[in-house]
Amino acid sequence: MRARIDEVENLEDAIKSFMEIGRERNQLVHSDYASLSINKTPDDIYTLYLSADVFVKSVGVELRACSAKLAART
């Protein structure tokens, strides 16, 4: 996967965006929704979403490729 991260443009940034969305989500879920303040605009969050989507889509591609390689060995 490290090699793919190095090969695919913006994949490392996409992973960071995905992780940041996860951190924000965890703060919302594990804190008091009413009192929590997020220092991001809706545009900021949408930009993170678009970036993270690159990672989400690549996970399926990489899993299918790995599965195909394993199947070819048997």
N, C-alpha and C. Protein backbone atom coordinates (compact mmCIF):
# COMPACT_ATOMS: atom_id res chain seq x y z
N MET A 1 0.83 -1.19 0.00
CA MET A 1 0.00 0.00 0.00
C MET A 1 0.87 1.25 0.00
N ARG A 2 2.01 1.15 0.68
CA ARG A 2 2.92 2.32 0.69
C ARG A 2 3.32 2.69 -0.73
N ALA A 3 3.60 1.69 -1.55
CA ALA A 3 3.98 1.96 -2.93
C ALA A 3 2.84 2.65 -3.68
N ARG A 4 1.61 2.21 -3.45
CA ARG A 4 0.45 2.84 -4.11
C ARG A 4 0.28 4.28 -3.65
N ILE A 5 0.51 4.53 -2.38
CA ILE A 5 0.40 5.90 -1.86
C ILE A 5 1.41 6.80 -2.56
N ASP A 6 2.61 6.27 -2.77
CA ASP A 6 3.64 7.04 -3.46
C ASP A 6 3.32 7.24 -4.93
N GLU A 7 2.62 6.28 -5.53
CA GLU A 7 2.31 6.33 -6.97
C GLU A 7 1.12 7.23 -7.29
N VAL A 8 0.08 7.16 -6.48
CA VAL A 8 -1.19 7.82 -6.79
C VAL A 8 -1.18 9.25 -6.25
N GLU A 9 -1.34 10.18 -7.17
CA GLU A 9 -1.34 11.59 -6.80
C GLU A 9 -2.49 11.87 -5.83
N ASN A 10 -2.20 12.58 -4.78
CA ASN A 10 -3.17 13.03 -3.77
C ASN A 10 -3.68 11.92 -2.84
N LEU A 11 -3.19 10.70 -2.97
CA LEU A 11 -3.71 9.63 -2.12
C LEU A 11 -3.31 9.85 -0.66
N GLU A 12 -2.11 10.29 -0.42
CA GLU A 12 -1.70 10.55 0.97
C GLU A 12 -2.55 11.66 1.59
N ASP A 13 -2.82 12.70 0.83
CA ASP A 13 -3.70 13.77 1.32
C ASP A 13 -5.11 13.25 1.55
N ALA A 14 -5.56 12.36 0.67
CA ALA A 14 -6.89 11.77 0.81
C ALA A 14 -7.00 10.97 2.11
N ILE A 15 -5.96 10.24 2.44
CA ILE A 15 -5.95 9.46 3.69
C ILE A 15 -5.99 10.40 4.88
N LYS A 16 -5.24 11.47 4.83
CA LYS A 16 -5.24 12.45 5.92
C LYS A 16 -6.63 13.08 6.07
N SER A 17 -7.27 13.39 4.96
CA SER A 17 -8.62 13.96 5.00
C SER A 17 -9.61 12.97 5.61
N PHE A 18 -9.51 11.70 5.21
CA PHE A 18 -10.37 10.66 5.74
C PHE A 18 -10.21 10.55 7.26
N MET A 19 -8.97 10.57 7.71
CA MET A 19 -8.70 10.47 9.15
C MET A 19 -9.22 11.70 9.90
N GLU A 20 -9.08 12.86 9.29
CA GLU A 20 -9.57 14.09 9.93
C GLU A 20 -11.09 14.07 10.07
N ILE A 21 -11.77 13.61 9.04
CA ILE A 21 -13.23 13.48 9.13
C ILE A 21 -13.59 12.51 10.25
N GLY A 22 -12.85 11.43 10.37
CA GLY A 22 -13.10 10.46 11.44
C GLY A 22 -12.90 11.07 12.82
N ARG A 23 -11.86 11.88 12.97
CA ARG A 23 -11.63 12.55 14.26
C ARG A 23 -12.77 13.50 14.60
N GLU A 24 -13.22 14.27 13.61
CA GLU A 24 -14.34 15.19 13.83
C GLU A 24 -15.60 14.42 14.20
N ARG A 25 -15.83 13.32 13.50
CA ARG A 25 -16.99 12.48 13.79
C ARG A 25 -16.95 11.95 15.22
N ASN A 26 -15.78 11.47 15.63
CA ASN A 26 -15.64 10.94 16.99
C ASN A 26 -15.89 12.01 18.03
N GLN A 27 -15.42 13.22 17.77
CA GLN A 27 -15.69 14.31 18.72
C GLN A 27 -17.18 14.57 18.84
N LEU A 28 -17.89 14.57 17.71
CA LEU A 28 -19.33 14.78 17.75
C LEU A 28 -20.05 13.68 18.52
N VAL A 29 -19.67 12.44 18.24
CA VAL A 29 -20.36 11.30 18.84
C VAL A 29 -20.07 11.18 20.33
N HIS A 30 -18.84 11.45 20.73
CA HIS A 30 -18.44 11.21 22.11
C HIS A 30 -18.47 12.46 22.98
N SER A 31 -18.92 13.56 22.43
CA SER A 31 -19.07 14.80 23.19
C SER A 31 -20.53 15.21 23.16
N ASP A 32 -20.81 16.28 23.84
CA ASP A 32 -22.17 16.83 23.85
C ASP A 32 -22.40 17.60 22.56
N TYR A 33 -23.27 17.08 21.71
CA TYR A 33 -23.56 17.71 20.41
C TYR A 33 -23.88 19.20 20.56
N ALA A 34 -24.66 19.53 21.57
CA ALA A 34 -25.16 20.90 21.74
C ALA A 34 -24.05 21.89 22.08
N SER A 35 -23.02 21.42 22.75
CA SER A 35 -21.98 22.35 23.19
C SER A 35 -20.70 22.28 22.37
N LEU A 36 -20.59 21.30 21.49
CA LEU A 36 -19.37 21.15 20.71
C LEU A 36 -19.31 22.17 19.59
N SER A 37 -18.18 22.79 19.45
CA SER A 37 -17.97 23.76 18.39
C SER A 37 -16.94 23.21 17.41
N ILE A 38 -17.31 23.16 16.13
CA ILE A 38 -16.40 22.71 15.09
C ILE A 38 -15.86 23.94 14.39
N ASN A 39 -14.56 24.00 14.26
CA ASN A 39 -13.93 25.17 13.66
C ASN A 39 -13.74 24.99 12.15
N LYS A 40 -14.73 24.42 11.51
CA LYS A 40 -14.69 24.22 10.07
C LYS A 40 -15.98 24.72 9.46
N THR A 41 -15.87 25.31 8.29
CA THR A 41 -17.06 25.74 7.57
C THR A 41 -17.64 24.55 6.81
N PRO A 42 -18.87 24.65 6.38
CA PRO A 42 -19.41 23.58 5.52
C PRO A 42 -18.53 23.36 4.28
N ASP A 43 -17.98 24.43 3.72
CA ASP A 43 -17.09 24.29 2.57
C ASP A 43 -15.83 23.51 2.94
N ASP A 44 -15.29 23.77 4.13
CA ASP A 44 -14.10 23.04 4.60
C ASP A 44 -14.41 21.54 4.70
N ILE A 45 -15.55 21.23 5.27
CA ILE A 45 -15.93 19.83 5.45
C ILE A 45 -16.16 19.17 4.09
N TYR A 46 -16.80 19.88 3.18
CA TYR A 46 -17.05 19.32 1.85
C TYR A 46 -15.74 19.08 1.11
N THR A 47 -14.79 19.99 1.26
CA THR A 47 -13.48 19.81 0.64
C THR A 47 -12.78 18.58 1.20
N LEU A 48 -12.86 18.38 2.51
CA LEU A 48 -12.31 17.17 3.12
C LEU A 48 -13.00 15.92 2.58
N TYR A 49 -14.30 15.99 2.44
CA TYR A 49 -15.07 14.86 1.91
C TYR A 49 -14.61 14.50 0.50
N LEU A 50 -14.48 15.50 -0.36
CA LEU A 50 -14.05 15.23 -1.73
C LEU A 50 -12.66 14.61 -1.76
N SER A 51 -11.78 15.10 -0.91
CA SER A 51 -10.43 14.55 -0.84
C SER A 51 -10.47 13.12 -0.31
N ALA A 52 -11.20 12.90 0.77
CA ALA A 52 -11.27 11.58 1.40
C ALA A 52 -11.89 10.55 0.47
N ASP A 53 -12.78 10.98 -0.40
CA ASP A 53 -13.44 10.07 -1.34
C ASP A 53 -12.44 9.37 -2.25
N VAL A 54 -11.34 10.03 -2.56
CA VAL A 54 -10.28 9.42 -3.36
C VAL A 54 -9.74 8.18 -2.64
N PHE A 55 -9.53 8.30 -1.33
CA PHE A 55 -9.06 7.17 -0.53
C PHE A 55 -10.11 6.07 -0.45
N VAL A 56 -11.35 6.44 -0.16
CA VAL A 56 -12.41 5.45 -0.01
C VAL A 56 -12.55 4.62 -1.28
N LYS A 57 -12.53 5.28 -2.42
CA LYS A 57 -12.65 4.56 -3.69
C LYS A 57 -11.43 3.69 -3.95
N SER A 58 -10.26 4.12 -3.53
CA SER A 58 -9.05 3.35 -3.79
C SER A 58 -8.98 2.09 -2.93
N VAL A 59 -9.61 2.11 -1.77
CA VAL A 59 -9.58 0.93 -0.90
C VAL A 59 -10.20 -0.27 -1.61
N GLY A 60 -11.34 -0.08 -2.22
CA GLY A 60 -11.98 -1.18 -2.94
C GLY A 60 -11.13 -1.69 -4.09
N VAL A 61 -10.53 -0.78 -4.82
CA VAL A 61 -9.67 -1.16 -5.94
C VAL A 61 -8.49 -1.99 -5.43
N GLU A 62 -7.86 -1.53 -4.37
CA GLU A 62 -6.69 -2.24 -3.83
C GLU A 62 -7.06 -3.60 -3.25
N LEU A 63 -8.20 -3.68 -2.58
CA LEU A 63 -8.64 -4.97 -2.03
C LEU A 63 -8.94 -5.97 -3.14
N ARG A 64 -9.58 -5.51 -4.21
CA ARG A 64 -9.87 -6.42 -5.33
C ARG A 64 -8.58 -6.88 -6.00
N ALA A 65 -7.61 -5.98 -6.14
CA ALA A 65 -6.33 -6.35 -6.75
C ALA A 65 -5.60 -7.37 -5.88
N CYS A 66 -5.60 -7.15 -4.59
CA CYS A 66 -4.94 -8.08 -3.66
C CYS A 66 -5.64 -9.44 -3.70
N SER A 67 -6.95 -9.42 -3.72
CA SER A 67 -7.72 -10.67 -3.78
C SER A 67 -7.41 -11.44 -5.06
N ALA A 68 -7.31 -10.72 -6.17
CA ALA A 68 -7.01 -11.37 -7.45
C ALA A 68 -5.61 -11.99 -7.43
N LYS A 69 -4.65 -11.31 -6.83
CA LYS A 69 -3.30 -11.85 -6.72
C LYS A 69 -3.28 -13.11 -5.88
N LEU A 70 -4.01 -13.10 -4.78
CA LEU A 70 -4.07 -14.27 -3.91
C LEU A 70 -4.76 -15.43 -4.61
N ALA A 71 -5.82 -15.15 -5.34
CA ALA A 71 -6.54 -16.20 -6.06
C ALA A 71 -5.67 -16.81 -7.15
N ALA A 72 -4.84 -15.99 -7.78
CA ALA A 72 -3.97 -16.49 -8.84
C ALA A 72 -2.90 -17.45 -8.30
N ARG A 73 -2.55 -17.32 -7.05
CA ARG A 73 -1.54 -18.17 -6.43
C ARG A 73 -2.06 -19.57 -6.13
N THR A 74 -3.38 -19.71 -6.03
CA THR A 74 -3.93 -21.01 -5.65
C THR A 74 -4.41 -21.80 -6.84
